[in-house]
């Protein structure tokens, strides 16, 4: 009787609690997304719709429909293609660096005392609390002044030309952005890996030690397979986060020297066109969404499959 009563109360109060969140989600996410998809097929100028046939303001949004013209214009734009390729290259570097650093930090913290572990967690997590714009300007100073003049200049500690003017070269800026994002994100991802490491039974490691397994073999045969749920989460967050990077790109390079990433390119599209072509920008945003969704879902599927196999 008690279980039936609890179920009845649950069903009675389910929609009153869920309805506000549902309405908010539909209002803030679903409707704007649907409008954005519609605008990607229309000649949209931001404040009004443009009728390309009559060469004047459209009487109705449906009179402004241009089919896939905005998508064709997006892929015909060399800046968009360059930004897409640059974002892919950056994502590969950032995903590898963030995961390697955060996993190494998690393994390190998992071996120290509880008191030192708490201190290190706080220290490593702190950069994640800083905003992207603030970090971008801080690292701009580091790369432009500290690296270029103080450390690696002709009169610095060591003259290494490769580390100078990091923000004024597209390849160097890619690694500069990856370094910035790794410093910011590794501490957060580290906590996810630590949570995963704490779920691995110590009996596995004791059995491996008795069998004479080396530390390297134990890591690959026990730690990595058992951490697959954590890998799924961290890979998803780093992949999607790398593709959506914006603030750091704006603050560090402002997209100069061919360093525009995809999110920044979409933002600048309306400034680069006259009159501002919001329809083209929205088409780029839809392509952006499709790419992130496809890559993220594929990654989650593959890592989930590894979880089952493990």
C-alpha atoms as a PDB file:
ATOM      1  CA  UNK A   1       0.000   0.000   0.000  1.00  0.00           C
ATOM      2  CA  UNK A   2       2.850   2.350   0.847  1.00  0.00           C
ATOM      3  CA  UNK A   3       4.486   1.801  -2.550  1.00  0.00           C
ATOM      4  CA  UNK A   4       1.196   2.425  -4.360  1.00  0.00           C
ATOM      5  CA  UNK A   5       0.667   5.607  -2.345  1.00  0.00           C
ATOM      6  CA  UNK A   6       4.162   6.866  -3.192  1.00  0.00           C
ATOM      7  CA  UNK A   7       3.588   6.170  -6.886  1.00  0.00           C
ATOM      8  CA  UNK A   8       0.308   8.047  -6.761  1.00  0.00           C
ATOM      9  CA  UNK A   9       1.985  11.062  -5.146  1.00  0.00           C
ATOM     10  CA  UNK A  10       4.793  10.888  -7.717  1.00  0.00           C
ATOM     11  CA  UNK A  11       2.365  10.931 -10.655  1.00  0.00           C
ATOM     12  CA  UNK A  12       0.293  13.647  -9.011  1.00  0.00           C
ATOM     13  CA  UNK A  13       3.240  16.043  -8.600  1.00  0.00           C
ATOM     14  CA  UNK A  14       5.269  15.047 -11.678  1.00  0.00           C
ATOM     15  CA  UNK A  15       3.917  17.635 -14.140  1.00  0.00           C
ATOM     16  CA  UNK A  16       3.683  20.547 -11.676  1.00  0.00           C
ATOM     17  CA  UNK A  17       7.440  20.181 -11.071  1.00  0.00           C
ATOM     18  CA  UNK A  18       8.426  19.320 -14.655  1.00  0.00           C
ATOM     19  CA  UNK A  19       6.188  21.848 -16.449  1.00  0.00           C
ATOM     20  CA  UNK A  20       8.215  25.019 -15.630  1.00  0.00           C
ATOM     21  CA  UNK A  21      11.459  23.436 -16.859  1.00  0.00           C
ATOM     22  CA  UNK A  22       9.713  22.077 -19.958  1.00  0.00           C
ATOM     23  CA  UNK A  23       8.193  25.458 -20.827  1.00  0.00           C
ATOM     24  CA  UNK A  24      11.553  27.155 -20.274  1.00  0.00           C
ATOM     25  CA  UNK A  25      13.359  24.597 -22.456  1.00  0.00           C
ATOM     26  CA  UNK A  26      10.849  24.980 -25.282  1.00  0.00           C
ATOM     27  CA  UNK A  27      10.896  28.783 -25.046  1.00  0.00           C
ATOM     28  CA  UNK A  28      14.657  29.249 -24.781  1.00  0.00           C
ATOM     29  CA  UNK A  29      15.984  26.300 -26.812  1.00  0.00           C
ATOM     30  CA  UNK A  30      13.456  24.639 -29.107  1.00  0.00           C
ATOM     31  CA  UNK A  31      11.670  27.696 -30.549  1.00  0.00           C
ATOM     32  CA  UNK A  32      14.851  29.770 -31.175  1.00  0.00           C
ATOM     33  CA  UNK A  33      16.486  26.725 -32.765  1.00  0.00           C
ATOM     34  CA  UNK A  34      13.530  26.176 -35.098  1.00  0.00           C
ATOM     35  CA  UNK A  35      13.475  29.876 -36.016  1.00  0.00           C
ATOM     36  CA  UNK A  36      17.210  29.757 -36.638  1.00  0.00           C
ATOM     37  CA  UNK A  37      16.878  26.780 -38.983  1.00  0.00           C
ATOM     38  CA  UNK A  38      14.120  28.619 -40.877  1.00  0.00           C
ATOM     39  CA  UNK A  39      16.279  31.748 -41.133  1.00  0.00           C
ATOM     40  CA  UNK A  40      19.134  29.710 -42.585  1.00  0.00           C
ATOM     41  CA  UNK A  41      16.924  29.145 -45.637  1.00  0.00           C
ATOM     42  CA  UNK A  42      15.846  32.786 -45.899  1.00  0.00           C
ATOM     43  CA  UNK A  43      17.347  36.106 -46.904  1.00  0.00           C
ATOM     44  CA  UNK A  44      17.463  37.544 -43.409  1.00  0.00           C
ATOM     45  CA  UNK A  45      19.017  40.900 -42.595  1.00  0.00           C
ATOM     46  CA  UNK A  46      18.634  40.731 -38.816  1.00  0.00           C
ATOM     47  CA  UNK A  47      15.989  43.445 -38.474  1.00  0.00           C
ATOM     48  CA  UNK A  48      13.931  42.425 -41.505  1.00  0.00           C
ATOM     49  CA  UNK A  49      13.504  39.808 -44.228  1.00  0.00           C
ATOM     50  CA  UNK A  50      14.604  40.651 -47.760  1.00  0.00           C
ATOM     51  CA  UNK A  51      12.690  39.556 -50.848  1.00  0.00           C
ATOM     52  CA  UNK A  52      15.384  38.752 -53.454  1.00  0.00           C
ATOM     53  CA  UNK A  53      12.845  38.660 -56.312  1.00  0.00           C
ATOM     54  CA  UNK A  54      11.328  42.087 -55.592  1.00  0.00           C
ATOM     55  CA  UNK A  55      14.639  43.528 -54.301  1.00  0.00           C
ATOM     56  CA  UNK A  56      12.853  45.040 -51.313  1.00  0.00           C
ATOM     57  CA  UNK A  57      11.694  44.128 -47.838  1.00  0.00           C
ATOM     58  CA  UNK A  58       9.659  40.951 -47.841  1.00  0.00           C
ATOM     59  CA  UNK A  59       6.001  41.235 -46.989  1.00  0.00           C
ATOM     60  CA  UNK A  60       6.220  37.835 -45.335  1.00  0.00           C
ATOM     61  CA  UNK A  61       9.159  35.719 -44.072  1.00  0.00           C
ATOM     62  CA  UNK A  62       8.103  33.035 -46.566  1.00  0.00           C
ATOM     63  CA  UNK A  63       8.705  35.473 -49.436  1.00  0.00           C
ATOM     64  CA  UNK A  64      12.346  35.656 -48.337  1.00  0.00           C
ATOM     65  CA  UNK A  65      13.057  31.931 -48.691  1.00  0.00           C
ATOM     66  CA  UNK A  66      16.114  31.254 -50.866  1.00  0.00           C
ATOM     67  CA  UNK A  67      16.493  27.481 -50.449  1.00  0.00           C
ATOM     68  CA  UNK A  68      20.067  26.278 -49.958  1.00  0.00           C
ATOM     69  CA  UNK A  69      21.623  29.488 -51.283  1.00  0.00           C
ATOM     70  CA  UNK A  70      22.910  30.460 -47.829  1.00  0.00           C
ATOM     71  CA  UNK A  71      24.548  27.059 -47.379  1.00  0.00           C
ATOM     72  CA  UNK A  72      26.189  27.282 -50.799  1.00  0.00           C
ATOM     73  CA  UNK A  73      27.432  30.779 -49.952  1.00  0.00           C
ATOM     74  CA  UNK A  74      28.786  29.510 -46.609  1.00  0.00           C
ATOM     75  CA  UNK A  75      30.898  26.776 -48.186  1.00  0.00           C
ATOM     76  CA  UNK A  76      31.945  29.110 -50.996  1.00  0.00           C
ATOM     77  CA  UNK A  77      33.335  31.498 -48.368  1.00  0.00           C
ATOM     78  CA  UNK A  78      37.065  30.787 -48.056  1.00  0.00           C
ATOM     79  CA  UNK A  79      37.124  32.199 -44.527  1.00  0.00           C
ATOM     80  CA  UNK A  80      34.489  29.720 -43.359  1.00  0.00           C
ATOM     81  CA  UNK A  81      36.350  26.747 -44.853  1.00  0.00           C
ATOM     82  CA  UNK A  82      39.636  27.941 -43.340  1.00  0.00           C
ATOM     83  CA  UNK A  83      37.976  28.415 -39.938  1.00  0.00           C
ATOM     84  CA  UNK A  84      36.455  24.937 -40.125  1.00  0.00           C
ATOM     85  CA  UNK A  85      39.798  23.310 -40.951  1.00  0.00           C
ATOM     86  CA  UNK A  86      41.600  25.352 -38.295  1.00  0.00           C
ATOM     87  CA  UNK A  87      39.028  24.302 -35.692  1.00  0.00           C
ATOM     88  CA  UNK A  88      39.443  20.629 -36.600  1.00  0.00           C
ATOM     89  CA  UNK A  89      43.235  20.889 -36.262  1.00  0.00           C
ATOM     90  CA  UNK A  90      42.925  22.685 -32.943  1.00  0.00           C
ATOM     91  CA  UNK A  91      40.412  20.139 -31.625  1.00  0.00           C
ATOM     92  CA  UNK A  92      42.758  17.225 -32.328  1.00  0.00           C
ATOM     93  CA  UNK A  93      45.600  18.906 -30.425  1.00  0.00           C
ATOM     94  CA  UNK A  94      43.413  20.130 -27.549  1.00  0.00           C
ATOM     95  CA  UNK A  95      41.576  16.846 -26.975  1.00  0.00           C
ATOM     96  CA  UNK A  96      44.843  14.921 -26.776  1.00  0.00           C
ATOM     97  CA  UNK A  97      46.603  17.454 -24.533  1.00  0.00           C
ATOM     98  CA  UNK A  98      43.685  17.970 -22.131  1.00  0.00           C
ATOM     99  CA  UNK A  99      43.055  14.256 -21.689  1.00  0.00           C
ATOM    100  CA  UNK A 100      46.722  13.344 -21.242  1.00  0.00           C
ATOM    101  CA  UNK A 101      47.386  16.133 -18.727  1.00  0.00           C
ATOM    102  CA  UNK A 102      44.164  15.622 -16.746  1.00  0.00           C
ATOM    103  CA  UNK A 103      44.663  11.846 -16.562  1.00  0.00           C
ATOM    104  CA  UNK A 104      48.272  12.265 -15.421  1.00  0.00           C
ATOM    105  CA  UNK A 105      47.149  14.722 -12.739  1.00  0.00           C
ATOM    106  CA  UNK A 106      44.424  12.314 -11.593  1.00  0.00           C
ATOM    107  CA  UNK A 107      46.907   9.422 -11.345  1.00  0.00           C
ATOM    108  CA  UNK A 108      49.314  11.655  -9.408  1.00  0.00           C
ATOM    109  CA  UNK A 109      46.698  12.892  -6.931  1.00  0.00           C
ATOM    110  CA  UNK A 110      45.384   9.377  -6.438  1.00  0.00           C
ATOM    111  CA  UNK A 111      48.777   8.372  -5.015  1.00  0.00           C
ATOM    112  CA  UNK A 112      49.360  11.171  -2.484  1.00  0.00           C
ATOM    113  CA  UNK A 113      47.984  11.673   1.014  1.00  0.00           C
ATOM    114  CA  UNK A 114      44.436  12.858   1.560  1.00  0.00           C
ATOM    115  CA  UNK A 115      45.518  16.281   2.865  1.00  0.00           C
ATOM    116  CA  UNK A 116      47.879  16.937  -0.048  1.00  0.00           C
ATOM    117  CA  UNK A 117      45.265  15.574  -2.446  1.00  0.00           C
ATOM    118  CA  UNK A 118      42.737  18.177  -1.289  1.00  0.00           C
ATOM    119  CA  UNK A 119      45.243  21.000  -1.719  1.00  0.00           C
ATOM    120  CA  UNK A 120      46.284  19.849  -5.198  1.00  0.00           C
ATOM    121  CA  UNK A 121      42.677  19.428  -6.333  1.00  0.00           C
ATOM    122  CA  UNK A 122      41.953  23.025  -5.363  1.00  0.00           C
ATOM    123  CA  UNK A 123      45.089  24.349  -7.046  1.00  0.00           C
ATOM    124  CA  UNK A 124      44.537  22.450 -10.296  1.00  0.00           C
ATOM    125  CA  UNK A 125      40.814  23.217 -10.424  1.00  0.00           C
ATOM    126  CA  UNK A 126      41.190  26.963  -9.794  1.00  0.00           C
ATOM    127  CA  UNK A 127      41.984  27.955 -13.447  1.00  0.00           C
ATOM    128  CA  UNK A 128      38.593  26.584 -14.466  1.00  0.00           C
ATOM    129  CA  UNK A 129      36.963  29.316 -12.378  1.00  0.00           C
ATOM    130  CA  UNK A 130      38.466  32.066 -14.540  1.00  0.00           C
ATOM    131  CA  UNK A 131      36.609  33.427 -17.557  1.00  0.00           C
ATOM    132  CA  UNK A 132      37.769  32.743 -21.095  1.00  0.00           C
ATOM    133  CA  UNK A 133      38.256  36.408 -21.972  1.00  0.00           C
ATOM    134  CA  UNK A 134      40.307  37.096 -18.849  1.00  0.00           C
ATOM    135  CA  UNK A 135      42.479  34.048 -19.494  1.00  0.00           C
ATOM    136  CA  UNK A 136      42.928  35.064 -23.115  1.00  0.00           C
ATOM    137  CA  UNK A 137      44.291  38.480 -22.169  1.00  0.00           C
ATOM    138  CA  UNK A 138      46.505  36.986 -19.442  1.00  0.00           C
ATOM    139  CA  UNK A 139      48.030  34.492 -21.850  1.00  0.00           C
ATOM    140  CA  UNK A 140      48.366  37.157 -24.519  1.00  0.00           C
ATOM    141  CA  UNK A 141      50.658  39.016 -22.107  1.00  0.00           C
ATOM    142  CA  UNK A 142      52.531  35.782 -21.343  1.00  0.00           C
ATOM    143  CA  UNK A 143      53.102  34.906 -24.991  1.00  0.00           C
ATOM    144  CA  UNK A 144      53.829  38.438 -26.203  1.00  0.00           C
ATOM    145  CA  UNK A 145      55.969  39.716 -23.330  1.00  0.00           C
ATOM    146  CA  UNK A 146      57.180  36.842 -21.154  1.00  0.00           C
ATOM    147  CA  UNK A 147      57.831  34.290 -23.909  1.00  0.00           C
ATOM    148  CA  UNK A 148      58.910  36.701 -26.666  1.00  0.00           C
ATOM    149  CA  UNK A 149      61.165  39.047 -24.694  1.00  0.00           C
ATOM    150  CA  UNK A 150      61.952  37.712 -21.229  1.00  0.00           C
ATOM    151  CA  UNK A 151      62.373  33.967 -21.667  1.00  0.00           C
ATOM    152  CA  UNK A 152      63.084  33.141 -25.300  1.00  0.00           C
ATOM    153  CA  UNK A 153      64.311  36.432 -26.755  1.00  0.00           C
ATOM    154  CA  UNK A 154      67.929  37.137 -27.810  1.00  0.00           C
ATOM    155  CA  UNK A 155      68.687  38.365 -24.289  1.00  0.00           C
ATOM    156  CA  UNK A 156      66.377  35.943 -22.488  1.00  0.00           C
ATOM    157  CA  UNK A 157      67.006  32.726 -20.608  1.00  0.00           C
ATOM    158  CA  UNK A 158      67.234  30.713 -23.849  1.00  0.00           C
ATOM    159  CA  UNK A 159      66.896  32.036 -27.377  1.00  0.00           C
ATOM    160  CA  UNK A 160      64.238  29.768 -28.914  1.00  0.00           C
ATOM    161  CA  UNK A 161      62.624  31.451 -31.898  1.00  0.00           C
ATOM    162  CA  UNK A 162      59.827  28.866 -32.101  1.00  0.00           C
ATOM    163  CA  UNK A 163      58.398  30.104 -28.778  1.00  0.00           C
ATOM    164  CA  UNK A 164      58.414  33.789 -29.742  1.00  0.00           C
ATOM    165  CA  UNK A 165      55.406  35.692 -31.143  1.00  0.00           C
ATOM    166  CA  UNK A 166      53.100  32.750 -30.439  1.00  0.00           C
ATOM    167  CA  UNK A 167      49.959  34.734 -31.278  1.00  0.00           C
ATOM    168  CA  UNK A 168      51.212  36.067 -34.623  1.00  0.00           C
ATOM    169  CA  UNK A 169      51.440  32.798 -36.506  1.00  0.00           C
ATOM    170  CA  UNK A 170      48.522  30.481 -37.244  1.00  0.00           C
ATOM    171  CA  UNK A 171      50.374  27.283 -36.323  1.00  0.00           C
ATOM    172  CA  UNK A 172      51.949  28.728 -33.182  1.00  0.00           C
ATOM    173  CA  UNK A 173      48.627  30.268 -32.166  1.00  0.00           C
ATOM    174  CA  UNK A 174      46.966  26.866 -32.487  1.00  0.00           C
ATOM    175  CA  UNK A 175      49.327  25.415 -29.885  1.00  0.00           C
ATOM    176  CA  UNK A 176      49.032  28.585 -27.798  1.00  0.00           C
ATOM    177  CA  UNK A 177      45.247  28.162 -27.688  1.00  0.00           C
ATOM    178  CA  UNK A 178      45.650  24.478 -26.841  1.00  0.00           C
ATOM    179  CA  UNK A 179      48.051  25.356 -24.013  1.00  0.00           C
ATOM    180  CA  UNK A 180      45.628  27.962 -22.665  1.00  0.00           C
ATOM    181  CA  UNK A 181      42.627  25.633 -22.815  1.00  0.00           C
ATOM    182  CA  UNK A 182      44.580  22.737 -21.303  1.00  0.00           C
ATOM    183  CA  UNK A 183      45.649  24.921 -18.380  1.00  0.00           C
ATOM    184  CA  UNK A 184      42.036  26.009 -17.885  1.00  0.00           C
ATOM    185  CA  UNK A 185      40.224  22.695 -18.371  1.00  0.00           C
ATOM    186  CA  UNK A 186      42.611  19.986 -17.149  1.00  0.00           C
ATOM    187  CA  UNK A 187      41.739  20.503 -13.490  1.00  0.00           C
ATOM    188  CA  UNK A 188      38.022  20.017 -14.107  1.00  0.00           C
ATOM    189  CA  UNK A 189      38.560  16.911 -16.245  1.00  0.00           C
ATOM    190  CA  UNK A 190      40.973  15.641 -13.601  1.00  0.00           C
ATOM    191  CA  UNK A 191      38.122  15.461 -11.076  1.00  0.00           C
ATOM    192  CA  UNK A 192      36.122  13.238 -13.447  1.00  0.00           C
ATOM    193  CA  UNK A 193      39.082  10.900 -13.831  1.00  0.00           C
ATOM    194  CA  UNK A 194      39.647  10.840 -10.067  1.00  0.00           C
ATOM    195  CA  UNK A 195      36.005   9.834  -9.550  1.00  0.00           C
ATOM    196  CA  UNK A 196      36.501   7.047 -12.102  1.00  0.00           C
ATOM    197  CA  UNK A 197      39.729   5.854 -10.463  1.00  0.00           C
ATOM    198  CA  UNK A 198      37.997   5.679  -7.070  1.00  0.00           C
ATOM    199  CA  UNK A 199      35.429   3.237  -8.465  1.00  0.00           C
ATOM    200  CA  UNK A 200      38.056   0.684  -9.543  1.00  0.00           C
ATOM    201  CA  UNK A 201      38.247  -2.125  -6.929  1.00  0.00           C
ATOM    202  CA  UNK A 202      41.690  -2.369  -5.328  1.00  0.00           C
ATOM    203  CA  UNK A 203      41.410  -6.167  -5.542  1.00  0.00           C
ATOM    204  CA  UNK A 204      42.207  -5.924  -9.242  1.00  0.00           C
ATOM    205  CA  UNK A 205      45.501  -4.170  -8.566  1.00  0.00           C
ATOM    206  CA  UNK A 206      46.394  -6.584  -5.755  1.00  0.00           C
ATOM    207  CA  UNK A 207      45.751  -9.569  -8.026  1.00  0.00           C
ATOM    208  CA  UNK A 208      47.846  -7.983 -10.795  1.00  0.00           C
ATOM    209  CA  UNK A 209      50.671  -7.343  -8.323  1.00  0.00           C
ATOM    210  CA  UNK A 210      50.607 -10.958  -7.129  1.00  0.00           C
ATOM    211  CA  UNK A 211      50.757 -12.134 -10.761  1.00  0.00           C
ATOM    212  CA  UNK A 212      53.844  -9.979 -11.309  1.00  0.00           C
ATOM    213  CA  UNK A 213      52.226  -7.516 -13.717  1.00  0.00           C
ATOM    214  CA  UNK A 214      54.291  -4.408 -14.478  1.00  0.00           C
ATOM    215  CA  UNK A 215      52.919  -0.933 -13.745  1.00  0.00           C
ATOM    216  CA  UNK A 216      52.602  -0.198 -17.479  1.00  0.00           C
ATOM    217  CA  UNK A 217      50.751  -3.458 -18.161  1.00  0.00           C
ATOM    218  CA  UNK A 218      48.459  -2.897 -15.180  1.00  0.00           C
ATOM    219  CA  UNK A 219      47.630   0.583 -16.433  1.00  0.00           C
ATOM    220  CA  UNK A 220      46.605  -0.648 -19.900  1.00  0.00           C
ATOM    221  CA  UNK A 221      44.899  -3.874 -18.824  1.00  0.00           C
ATOM    222  CA  UNK A 222      43.046  -2.638 -15.729  1.00  0.00           C
ATOM    223  CA  UNK A 223      43.017   1.148 -15.332  1.00  0.00           C
ATOM    224  CA  UNK A 224      42.189   2.148 -18.924  1.00  0.00           C
ATOM    225  CA  UNK A 225      39.323  -0.369 -19.473  1.00  0.00           C
ATOM    226  CA  UNK A 226      37.782   0.455 -16.091  1.00  0.00           C
ATOM    227  CA  UNK A 227      38.013   4.186 -16.821  1.00  0.00           C
ATOM    228  CA  UNK A 228      36.014   3.986 -20.057  1.00  0.00           C
ATOM    229  CA  UNK A 229      32.907   5.666 -18.521  1.00  0.00           C
ATOM    230  CA  UNK A 230      35.136   8.597 -17.515  1.00  0.00           C
ATOM    231  CA  UNK A 231      36.736   8.656 -20.970  1.00  0.00           C
ATOM    232  CA  UNK A 232      33.258   8.888 -22.498  1.00  0.00           C
ATOM    233  CA  UNK A 233      32.391  11.969 -20.443  1.00  0.00           C
ATOM    234  CA  UNK A 234      35.741  13.733 -20.780  1.00  0.00           C
ATOM    235  CA  UNK A 235      36.057  13.089 -24.516  1.00  0.00           C
ATOM    236  CA  UNK A 236      32.534  14.408 -25.076  1.00  0.00           C
ATOM    237  CA  UNK A 237      33.173  17.567 -23.066  1.00  0.00           C
ATOM    238  CA  UNK A 238      36.573  18.285 -24.611  1.00  0.00           C
ATOM    239  CA  UNK A 239      35.407  17.588 -28.173  1.00  0.00           C
ATOM    240  CA  UNK A 240      32.328  19.784 -27.965  1.00  0.00           C
ATOM    241  CA  UNK A 241      34.140  22.442 -25.937  1.00  0.00           C
ATOM    242  CA  UNK A 242      37.008  22.658 -28.422  1.00  0.00           C
ATOM    243  CA  UNK A 243      34.651  23.135 -31.351  1.00  0.00           C
ATOM    244  CA  UNK A 244      32.703  25.811 -29.471  1.00  0.00           C
ATOM    245  CA  UNK A 245      35.764  27.766 -28.314  1.00  0.00           C
ATOM    246  CA  UNK A 246      35.142  31.496 -28.715  1.00  0.00           C
ATOM    247  CA  UNK A 247      36.210  33.792 -25.866  1.00  0.00           C
ATOM    248  CA  UNK A 248      39.820  32.625 -25.800  1.00  0.00           C
ATOM    249  CA  UNK A 249      40.090  32.983 -29.577  1.00  0.00           C
ATOM    250  CA  UNK A 250      38.760  36.549 -29.404  1.00  0.00           C
ATOM    251  CA  UNK A 251      41.048  37.625 -26.562  1.00  0.00           C
ATOM    252  CA  UNK A 252      44.227  35.846 -27.630  1.00  0.00           C
ATOM    253  CA  UNK A 253      44.396  36.579 -31.370  1.00  0.00           C
ATOM    254  CA  UNK A 254      41.110  38.283 -32.353  1.00  0.00           C
ATOM    255  CA  UNK A 255      41.101  35.928 -35.337  1.00  0.00           C
ATOM    256  CA  UNK A 256      44.110  37.623 -36.934  1.00  0.00           C
ATOM    257  CA  UNK A 257      46.845  35.752 -38.830  1.00  0.00           C
ATOM    258  CA  UNK A 258      44.310  33.170 -40.091  1.00  0.00           C
ATOM    259  CA  UNK A 259      43.439  32.047 -36.559  1.00  0.00           C
ATOM    260  CA  UNK A 260      39.668  32.371 -36.721  1.00  0.00           C
ATOM    261  CA  UNK A 261      37.884  29.393 -35.277  1.00  0.00           C
ATOM    262  CA  UNK A 262      34.421  28.306 -36.356  1.00  0.00           C
ATOM    263  CA  UNK A 263      32.441  30.014 -33.593  1.00  0.00           C
ATOM    264  CA  UNK A 264      34.277  33.301 -34.146  1.00  0.00           C
ATOM    265  CA  UNK A 265      33.838  33.058 -37.919  1.00  0.00           C
ATOM    266  CA  UNK A 266      30.069  32.777 -37.481  1.00  0.00           C
ATOM    267  CA  UNK A 267      30.117  35.803 -35.181  1.00  0.00           C
ATOM    268  CA  UNK A 268      32.128  37.855 -37.691  1.00  0.00           C
ATOM    269  CA  UNK A 269      30.095  36.871 -40.760  1.00  0.00           C
ATOM    270  CA  UNK A 270      27.541  39.620 -40.219  1.00  0.00           C
ATOM    271  CA  UNK A 271      30.367  42.177 -39.897  1.00  0.00           C
ATOM    272  CA  UNK A 272      32.174  40.975 -43.001  1.00  0.00           C
ATOM    273  CA  UNK A 273      29.074  41.287 -45.210  1.00  0.00           C
ATOM    274  CA  UNK A 274      27.346  44.477 -46.302  1.00  0.00           C
ATOM    275  CA  UNK A 275      24.449  44.560 -45.707  1.00  0.00           C
ATOM    276  CA  UNK A 276      24.848  42.131 -42.805  1.00  0.00           C
ATOM    277  CA  UNK A 277      23.907  38.679 -44.103  1.00  0.00           C
ATOM    278  CA  UNK A 278      22.363  37.035 -41.058  1.00  0.00           C
ATOM    279  CA  UNK A 279      20.923  34.262 -43.225  1.00  0.00           C
ATOM    280  CA  UNK A 280      24.411  33.161 -44.265  1.00  0.00           C
ATOM    281  CA  UNK A 281      25.614  33.381 -40.674  1.00  0.00           C
ATOM    282  CA  UNK A 282      22.672  31.272 -39.530  1.00  0.00           C
ATOM    283  CA  UNK A 283      23.433  28.673 -42.217  1.00  0.00           C
ATOM    284  CA  UNK A 284      26.979  28.468 -40.887  1.00  0.00           C
ATOM    285  CA  UNK A 285      25.571  28.038 -37.380  1.00  0.00           C
ATOM    286  CA  UNK A 286      23.368  25.137 -38.511  1.00  0.00           C
ATOM    287  CA  UNK A 287      26.359  23.468 -40.184  1.00  0.00           C
ATOM    288  CA  UNK A 288      28.280  24.102 -36.968  1.00  0.00           C
ATOM    289  CA  UNK A 289      25.550  22.365 -34.955  1.00  0.00           C
ATOM    290  CA  UNK A 290      25.415  19.373 -37.318  1.00  0.00           C
ATOM    291  CA  UNK A 291      29.189  18.889 -37.164  1.00  0.00           C
ATOM    292  CA  UNK A 292      29.293  19.037 -33.354  1.00  0.00           C
ATOM    293  CA  UNK A 293      26.283  16.721 -33.025  1.00  0.00           C
ATOM    294  CA  UNK A 294      27.672  14.188 -35.508  1.00  0.00           C
ATOM    295  CA  UNK A 295      31.147  14.081 -33.976  1.00  0.00           C
ATOM    296  CA  UNK A 296      29.865  14.011 -30.391  1.00  0.00           C
ATOM    297  CA  UNK A 297      27.310  11.261 -31.016  1.00  0.00           C
ATOM    298  CA  UNK A 298      29.870   9.173 -32.910  1.00  0.00           C
ATOM    299  CA  UNK A 299      32.402   9.594 -30.117  1.00  0.00           C
ATOM    300  CA  UNK A 300      29.865   8.684 -27.412  1.00  0.00           C
ATOM    301  CA  UNK A 301      28.758   5.621 -29.396  1.00  0.00           C
ATOM    302  CA  UNK A 302      32.327   4.371 -29.851  1.00  0.00           C
ATOM    303  CA  UNK A 303      33.399   4.944 -26.260  1.00  0.00           C
ATOM    304  CA  UNK A 304      30.152   3.459 -24.908  1.00  0.00           C
ATOM    305  CA  UNK A 305      30.829   0.404 -27.029  1.00  0.00           C
ATOM    306  CA  UNK A 306      34.258   0.147 -25.431  1.00  0.00           C
ATOM    307  CA  UNK A 307      32.603   0.375 -22.007  1.00  0.00           C
ATOM    308  CA  UNK A 308      30.479  -2.664 -22.791  1.00  0.00           C
ATOM    309  CA  UNK A 309      33.470  -4.581 -24.111  1.00  0.00           C
ATOM    310  CA  UNK A 310      35.477  -3.679 -21.035  1.00  0.00           C
END
